[in-house]
C-alpha cells in the first residue's frame, strides 16, 4: 500500500514539473510588479531596433543587428522563412546578425540569435519573465524613475549547442513618460507572414534605407555613461542601450540585450480598461443570433413576395407559426402552472 502511494506521489510530482510555470508565459495586459499592475497590450506587435557596433580599425567585417521584439505574442516567421533566417518558433525577442565583409570578397552572412522566448520543443528553455518596479531597484539612479523592468530569458546562441552556446536574455525598462504612447518613432515589422509574395523595392530606396540604418546604428551605439541612460534620437520611444556579455550569479554568463521603452502605459497611475468594458461571449452570441434571424426573415419575405406575390403576414416565412407563438406560449405557461400547483397537492386514496 505504501509503495502504491509513493508511486502516485512520484507521478503527481512529475506531472506538476511538466506543467508550464506561471512565469513561462505572461499576459502583457496583466503585468504585475510587486503590488502594481500594468497594461502594456497597446505596445504589442513586432517592433524593430537596429544597432551597428563601431568596428575595430583593422577589422575586415562590419556587424549589423536587427532586434525584433513582441512583448505580447511570439514572433511570426516571414514568408519563406527558415531556421537559417529566422529565430526558433516561440521567440519573443530575436536578433538577426548580418556580417558584412568590408573588403567585398565574401558575401554577407545572416545569423539568427534567439534572445528570449518559450520554446515548446525545448522544455528547459523558458522565457521565465520577471517584473520589478524601477523605483525598487538597488541603483540610486533608478530610485526617482517610475516604471517597470522586464527581464526575459530562454535564448541561447548557438541555440542547439548546450556546451559552448552562450545564454541570452533581454532586459527592457518601461519608463513612465506621460507625453508618449510608446509608439513614437518605432519601426514595426510589417512584412508579410507566410501568406504573401516578397516585397521587392527599387535599388534607390534600398540604398537610402541602408544609409539610414547605418546612421541610426551609429547614433544608437552611443551611451550616456554618467547616468546609465540610453541616448539617440529623442523622437524614438524605444531605444537601444546595449548588447554585451554580463556575469550572473553562480559563475554564469549571459549576453544581455538592454532596451529602454518610454511610454505612458508604464506609469503607475495609467488608466486601465474597466472590468466588463469588453463584450463577452454571450453578448456576441445574442448579436450574431439576432442578425441571423433578421437576415432569414428579410430574405424569406423577399422570396415570398417575388415568387408568390404574398402580402401581409404571408410575406414572413412560417407566418402561421409566428402568429401562433403567443398562443403557444400561453398554453405552455398554463401547463407549467398546472404542474407546479399539482406537485403541491397532498396525495392519498381516491374514492371508488
Protein backbone atom coordinates (compact mmCIF):
# COMPACT_ATOMS: atom_id res chain seq x y z
CA UNK A 1 0.00 0.00 0.00
CA UNK A 2 2.84 2.36 0.87
CA UNK A 3 4.65 1.64 -2.40
CA UNK A 4 1.49 2.45 -4.34
CA UNK A 5 1.16 5.79 -2.58
CA UNK A 6 4.80 6.58 -3.28
CA UNK A 7 4.37 5.82 -6.94
CA UNK A 8 1.26 8.03 -7.05
CA UNK A 9 3.09 10.93 -5.41
CA UNK A 10 6.01 10.48 -7.79
CA UNK A 11 3.69 10.51 -10.80
CA UNK A 12 1.92 13.62 -9.48
CA UNK A 13 5.24 15.37 -8.92
CA UNK A 14 6.36 14.53 -12.45
CA UNK A 15 3.11 15.90 -13.83
CA UNK A 16 3.49 19.14 -11.91
CA UNK A 17 7.03 19.54 -13.18
CA UNK A 18 5.92 19.17 -16.76
CA UNK A 19 3.22 21.81 -16.43
CA UNK A 20 4.22 25.31 -17.56
CA UNK A 21 5.06 27.63 -14.72
CA UNK A 22 3.12 30.91 -14.36
CA UNK A 23 6.21 32.81 -15.48
CA UNK A 24 6.69 30.64 -18.60
CA UNK A 25 4.18 32.83 -20.38
CA UNK A 26 2.65 36.12 -19.37
CA UNK A 27 -0.25 38.31 -20.38
CA UNK A 28 1.01 41.72 -21.43
CA UNK A 29 -2.32 43.22 -20.33
CA UNK A 30 -1.91 41.89 -16.77
CA UNK A 31 1.70 42.54 -15.80
CA UNK A 32 2.26 42.81 -12.07
CA UNK A 33 5.36 44.09 -10.32
CA UNK A 34 5.11 43.92 -6.55
CA UNK A 35 1.57 45.22 -5.94
CA UNK A 36 1.33 47.41 -9.04
CA UNK A 37 -0.35 46.25 -12.25
CA UNK A 38 0.47 47.45 -15.75
CA UNK A 39 -1.34 47.03 -19.06
CA UNK A 40 1.19 47.05 -21.90
CA UNK A 41 -1.09 45.48 -24.50
CA UNK A 42 -1.07 48.71 -26.54
CA UNK A 43 2.64 48.07 -27.18
CA UNK A 44 2.01 44.66 -28.70
CA UNK A 45 3.14 43.70 -32.16
CA UNK A 46 6.63 43.22 -33.62
CA UNK A 47 8.95 46.22 -33.28
CA UNK A 48 12.48 46.51 -34.66
CA UNK A 49 15.53 48.19 -33.13
CA UNK A 50 18.77 48.42 -35.12
CA UNK A 51 22.35 48.62 -33.95
CA UNK A 52 25.74 48.62 -35.67
CA UNK A 53 28.74 48.47 -33.30
CA UNK A 54 31.76 50.54 -34.19
CA UNK A 55 34.29 48.20 -35.90
CA UNK A 56 37.94 47.98 -34.96
CA UNK A 57 40.40 49.90 -37.10
CA UNK A 58 41.86 46.74 -38.64
CA UNK A 59 38.55 44.84 -38.80
CA UNK A 60 37.53 43.48 -42.18
CA UNK A 61 33.90 42.86 -41.24
CA UNK A 62 31.02 45.04 -40.12
CA UNK A 63 28.28 43.67 -37.87
CA UNK A 64 24.70 44.92 -38.18
CA UNK A 65 21.97 43.81 -35.76
CA UNK A 66 18.21 43.92 -36.20
CA UNK A 67 16.46 43.22 -32.89
CA UNK A 68 12.78 42.27 -33.23
CA UNK A 69 10.61 42.05 -30.12
CA UNK A 70 6.96 41.43 -29.42
CA UNK A 71 6.07 41.55 -25.74
CA UNK A 72 2.57 40.16 -26.26
CA UNK A 73 2.97 37.26 -28.69
CA UNK A 74 5.59 35.05 -30.22
CA UNK A 75 7.26 36.40 -33.35
CA UNK A 76 5.86 35.01 -36.59
CA UNK A 77 8.05 33.90 -39.44
CA UNK A 78 8.12 35.79 -42.71
CA UNK A 79 7.05 34.01 -45.86
CA UNK A 80 9.70 31.56 -46.98
CA UNK A 81 11.49 31.82 -43.65
CA UNK A 82 13.60 29.03 -42.18
CA UNK A 83 15.91 28.47 -39.23
CA UNK A 84 18.67 29.91 -41.38
CA UNK A 85 16.96 33.31 -41.44
CA UNK A 86 14.50 33.24 -38.50
CA UNK A 87 14.64 32.51 -34.79
CA UNK A 88 13.01 29.36 -33.45
CA UNK A 89 9.24 29.24 -33.04
CA UNK A 90 8.30 30.66 -29.65
CA UNK A 91 10.77 33.56 -29.65
CA UNK A 92 9.56 36.93 -28.38
CA UNK A 93 12.91 38.68 -28.75
CA UNK A 94 15.01 37.79 -31.77
CA UNK A 95 18.23 39.24 -33.20
CA UNK A 96 19.30 38.93 -36.83
CA UNK A 97 23.04 39.49 -37.11
CA UNK A 98 24.40 40.43 -40.52
CA UNK A 99 28.14 40.07 -41.06
CA UNK A 100 29.33 42.24 -43.94
CA UNK A 101 32.78 41.76 -45.49
CA UNK A 102 34.08 45.30 -45.92
CA UNK A 103 36.69 44.10 -48.42
CA UNK A 104 33.95 42.95 -50.77
CA UNK A 105 35.48 39.49 -51.19
CA UNK A 106 32.80 37.47 -49.41
CA UNK A 107 29.05 37.87 -49.36
CA UNK A 108 27.20 38.96 -46.25
CA UNK A 109 26.09 36.18 -43.89
CA UNK A 110 22.99 36.07 -41.71
CA UNK A 111 22.79 34.54 -38.21
CA UNK A 112 19.52 34.46 -36.21
CA UNK A 113 20.05 34.74 -32.45
CA UNK A 114 17.31 33.64 -30.05
CA UNK A 115 17.38 36.07 -27.13
CA UNK A 116 14.16 35.36 -25.22
CA UNK A 117 11.11 33.16 -25.60
CA UNK A 118 9.42 29.92 -24.61
CA UNK A 119 10.30 27.05 -26.89
CA UNK A 120 7.90 24.11 -26.70
CA UNK A 121 10.31 21.75 -28.44
CA UNK A 122 12.91 22.58 -25.79
CA UNK A 123 11.09 22.31 -22.47
CA UNK A 124 14.03 23.62 -20.47
CA UNK A 125 14.15 26.87 -22.47
CA UNK A 126 11.53 29.12 -20.89
CA UNK A 127 11.08 32.88 -21.01
CA UNK A 128 10.84 32.95 -17.19
CA UNK A 129 9.61 36.55 -17.22
CA UNK A 130 10.42 38.63 -14.13
CA UNK A 131 8.99 42.09 -13.49
CA UNK A 132 10.22 44.62 -10.93
CA UNK A 133 9.48 48.29 -10.28
CA UNK A 134 12.19 50.72 -11.32
CA UNK A 135 11.86 52.65 -8.07
CA UNK A 136 12.50 49.42 -6.20
CA UNK A 137 15.89 48.95 -7.84
CA UNK A 138 19.10 48.93 -5.81
CA UNK A 139 20.56 51.51 -8.18
CA UNK A 140 20.35 55.08 -6.90
CA UNK A 141 19.83 56.40 -10.43
CA UNK A 142 16.59 54.40 -10.71
CA UNK A 143 15.16 55.48 -7.38
CA UNK A 144 13.44 58.52 -8.89
CA UNK A 145 12.29 56.72 -12.04
CA UNK A 146 8.76 55.38 -12.45
CA UNK A 147 8.08 52.30 -14.47
CA UNK A 148 8.67 48.56 -14.63
CA UNK A 149 11.65 46.45 -15.63
CA UNK A 150 11.08 43.22 -17.56
CA UNK A 151 13.74 40.51 -17.58
CA UNK A 152 13.16 37.84 -20.22
CA UNK A 153 15.13 34.64 -20.69
CA UNK A 154 15.15 31.45 -22.72
CA UNK A 155 17.51 32.22 -25.60
CA UNK A 156 20.91 30.81 -26.48
CA UNK A 157 23.42 31.17 -29.27
CA UNK A 158 24.20 28.80 -30.88
CA UNK A 159 20.76 27.55 -29.88
CA UNK A 160 21.34 23.80 -30.17
CA UNK A 161 24.82 23.87 -28.60
CA UNK A 162 24.42 23.21 -24.88
CA UNK A 163 28.18 23.20 -24.21
CA UNK A 164 29.64 26.21 -25.98
CA UNK A 165 26.39 28.12 -26.54
CA UNK A 166 26.02 31.41 -24.65
CA UNK A 167 22.76 32.08 -22.81
CA UNK A 168 20.86 35.17 -23.90
CA UNK A 169 18.42 37.45 -22.09
CA UNK A 170 16.64 40.75 -22.62
CA UNK A 171 16.13 43.49 -20.05
CA UNK A 172 13.54 46.05 -21.10
CA UNK A 173 12.94 49.11 -18.93
CA UNK A 174 9.48 50.55 -19.48
CA UNK A 175 9.89 54.11 -18.25
CA UNK A 176 6.91 56.31 -17.40
CA UNK A 177 6.52 59.20 -19.84
CA UNK A 178 3.03 60.69 -19.78
CA UNK A 179 3.60 62.50 -23.08
CA UNK A 180 4.31 59.35 -25.08
CA UNK A 181 2.22 56.41 -26.20
CA UNK A 182 5.36 54.35 -26.72
CA UNK A 183 4.86 54.02 -30.46
CA UNK A 184 6.63 57.23 -31.47
CA UNK A 185 9.37 56.50 -33.98
CA UNK A 186 9.12 52.74 -33.60
CA UNK A 187 9.67 50.66 -36.67
CA UNK A 188 7.08 47.90 -36.98
CA UNK A 189 7.86 44.65 -38.68
CA UNK A 190 5.09 44.89 -41.26
CA UNK A 191 6.50 42.26 -43.60
CA UNK A 192 4.17 39.59 -44.92
CA UNK A 193 3.87 36.50 -42.76
CA UNK A 194 3.63 33.22 -44.70
CA UNK A 195 0.80 34.36 -46.98
CA UNK A 196 2.21 36.88 -49.45
CA UNK A 197 4.95 37.43 -52.00
CA UNK A 198 8.23 39.04 -51.05
CA UNK A 199 8.17 42.80 -51.46
CA UNK A 200 10.82 43.93 -53.98
CA UNK A 201 11.63 47.62 -53.67
CA UNK A 202 13.77 49.64 -56.07
CA UNK A 203 17.55 49.90 -55.66
CA UNK A 204 17.47 53.58 -54.77
CA UNK A 205 15.07 53.00 -51.91
CA UNK A 206 17.24 50.15 -50.62
CA UNK A 207 20.39 52.27 -50.76
CA UNK A 208 18.71 55.12 -48.91
CA UNK A 209 17.30 52.78 -46.30
CA UNK A 210 20.73 51.19 -45.86
CA UNK A 211 22.34 54.59 -45.25
CA UNK A 212 19.61 55.45 -42.75
CA UNK A 213 20.23 52.18 -40.91
CA UNK A 214 23.97 52.85 -40.66
CA UNK A 215 23.45 56.38 -39.41
CA UNK A 216 20.83 55.24 -36.91
CA UNK A 217 23.13 52.47 -35.71
CA UNK A 218 25.90 54.99 -35.04
CA UNK A 219 23.52 57.19 -33.05
CA UNK A 220 22.17 54.30 -31.04
CA UNK A 221 25.62 52.90 -30.25
CA UNK A 222 26.38 55.91 -28.04
CA UNK A 223 25.59 55.76 -24.35
CA UNK A 224 25.41 58.29 -21.55
CA UNK A 225 27.81 56.74 -19.03
CA UNK A 226 27.17 59.43 -16.42
CA UNK A 227 23.56 58.42 -15.86
CA UNK A 228 23.41 54.96 -17.42
CA UNK A 229 20.60 56.04 -19.70
CA UNK A 230 20.26 55.37 -23.41
CA UNK A 231 20.78 58.15 -25.87
CA UNK A 232 19.96 58.56 -29.53
CA UNK A 233 17.11 60.03 -31.48
CA UNK A 234 14.87 61.55 -28.81
CA UNK A 235 11.85 61.14 -31.08
CA UNK A 236 12.03 57.38 -30.68
CA UNK A 237 10.28 55.89 -27.67
CA UNK A 238 12.03 52.52 -27.98
CA UNK A 239 15.80 52.85 -27.76
CA UNK A 240 18.78 50.51 -27.77
CA UNK A 241 21.00 50.55 -24.69
CA UNK A 242 23.48 47.72 -25.09
CA UNK A 243 24.16 44.14 -26.06
CA UNK A 244 27.06 42.79 -24.05
CA UNK A 245 28.20 39.73 -22.11
CA UNK A 246 27.42 40.08 -18.41
CA UNK A 247 28.30 38.00 -15.40
CA UNK A 248 25.49 36.33 -13.48
CA UNK A 249 25.38 34.65 -10.06
CA UNK A 250 26.87 31.16 -9.71
CA UNK A 251 29.64 31.98 -12.21
CA UNK A 252 27.23 32.07 -15.12
CA UNK A 253 27.47 34.34 -18.14
CA UNK A 254 24.74 35.66 -20.43
CA UNK A 255 24.74 38.13 -23.25
CA UNK A 256 22.19 40.78 -22.36
CA UNK A 257 20.16 42.98 -24.66
CA UNK A 258 19.13 46.17 -22.86
CA UNK A 259 16.35 48.39 -24.18
CA UNK A 260 14.52 51.43 -22.87
CA UNK A 261 10.87 51.99 -23.77
CA UNK A 262 9.30 55.30 -22.74
CA UNK A 263 5.52 55.16 -22.59
CA UNK A 264 2.59 56.44 -20.58
CA UNK A 265 1.47 52.87 -20.03
CA UNK A 266 4.43 52.38 -17.70
CA UNK A 267 3.05 54.97 -15.28
CA UNK A 268 1.63 53.50 -12.10
CA UNK A 269 -1.50 55.65 -12.38
CA UNK A 270 -2.10 54.86 -16.06
CA UNK A 271 -5.80 54.32 -16.80
CA UNK A 272 -6.87 50.73 -17.31
CA UNK A 273 -9.89 49.31 -19.05
CA UNK A 274 -12.72 48.80 -16.58
CA UNK A 275 -13.83 45.20 -16.00
CA UNK A 276 -16.65 44.24 -18.29
CA UNK A 277 -15.92 47.05 -20.73
CA UNK A 278 -15.31 44.49 -23.46
CA UNK A 279 -18.12 42.45 -24.89
CA UNK A 280 -18.22 38.86 -23.74
CA UNK A 281 -19.18 35.62 -25.44
CA UNK A 282 -22.90 35.81 -24.65
CA UNK A 283 -23.15 39.39 -25.93
CA UNK A 284 -21.62 38.39 -29.23
CA UNK A 285 -23.84 35.27 -29.33
CA UNK A 286 -27.01 37.36 -28.93
CA UNK A 287 -25.87 39.85 -31.58
CA UNK A 288 -25.00 37.13 -34.08
CA UNK A 289 -28.26 35.25 -33.40
CA UNK A 290 -30.30 38.46 -33.88
CA UNK A 291 -28.55 39.26 -37.15
CA UNK A 292 -29.03 35.69 -38.40
CA UNK A 293 -32.78 35.72 -37.60
CA UNK A 294 -33.23 39.17 -39.17
CA UNK A 295 -31.40 38.06 -42.32
CA UNK A 296 -33.57 34.93 -42.56
CA UNK A 297 -36.81 36.88 -42.18
CA UNK A 298 -35.82 39.57 -44.69
CA UNK A 299 -34.61 37.09 -47.28
CA UNK A 300 -37.68 34.84 -46.76
CA UNK A 301 -40.05 37.81 -47.09
CA UNK A 302 -38.36 38.96 -50.28
CA UNK A 303 -38.56 35.43 -51.70
CA UNK A 304 -42.29 35.04 -50.86
CA UNK A 305 -43.07 38.44 -52.36
CA UNK A 306 -41.30 37.81 -55.66
CA UNK A 307 -42.23 34.16 -56.07
CA UNK A 308 -45.78 34.01 -54.72
CA UNK A 309 -46.86 37.67 -54.60
CA UNK A 310 -47.57 37.33 -50.87
CA UNK A 311 -48.76 40.26 -48.75
CA UNK A 312 -49.05 40.99 -45.01
CA UNK A 313 -48.38 38.05 -42.70
CA UNK A 314 -47.96 35.77 -45.70
CA UNK A 315 -44.71 37.57 -46.51
CA UNK A 316 -42.99 36.16 -43.43
CA UNK A 317 -41.57 32.65 -43.72
CA UNK A 318 -43.53 30.30 -41.44
CA UNK A 319 -46.00 33.13 -40.85
CA UNK A 320 -48.63 30.81 -39.34
CA UNK A 321 -46.14 29.57 -36.76
CA UNK A 322 -45.10 33.10 -35.85
CA UNK A 323 -48.74 34.15 -35.38
CA UNK A 324 -49.31 31.16 -33.12
CA UNK A 325 -46.32 31.94 -30.87
CA UNK A 326 -48.37 33.99 -28.32
CA UNK A 327 -50.95 31.18 -28.05
CA UNK A 328 -48.26 28.50 -27.80
CA UNK A 329 -46.55 30.48 -25.06
CA UNK A 330 -49.85 30.90 -23.18
CA UNK A 331 -50.53 27.15 -23.33
CA UNK A 332 -47.01 26.39 -22.17
CA UNK A 333 -47.38 28.78 -19.22
CA UNK A 334 -50.66 27.16 -18.20
CA UNK A 335 -49.07 23.71 -18.25
CA UNK A 336 -46.19 24.92 -16.11
CA UNK A 337 -48.57 26.50 -13.59
CA UNK A 338 -50.71 23.34 -13.52
CA UNK A 339 -47.64 21.20 -12.92
CA UNK A 340 -46.43 23.43 -10.08
CA UNK A 341 -49.83 23.53 -8.42
CA UNK A 342 -50.32 19.78 -8.85
CA UNK A 343 -46.95 18.98 -7.28
CA UNK A 344 -48.05 20.94 -4.16
CA UNK A 345 -51.28 18.97 -3.55
CA UNK A 346 -51.31 16.17 -0.99
CA UNK A 347 -51.52 12.64 -2.27
CA UNK A 348 -53.95 9.98 -0.99
CA UNK A 349 -56.51 7.34 -1.93
CA UNK A 350 -59.21 8.33 -4.42
CA UNK A 351 -62.84 7.36 -3.73
CA UNK A 352 -64.12 4.28 -5.60
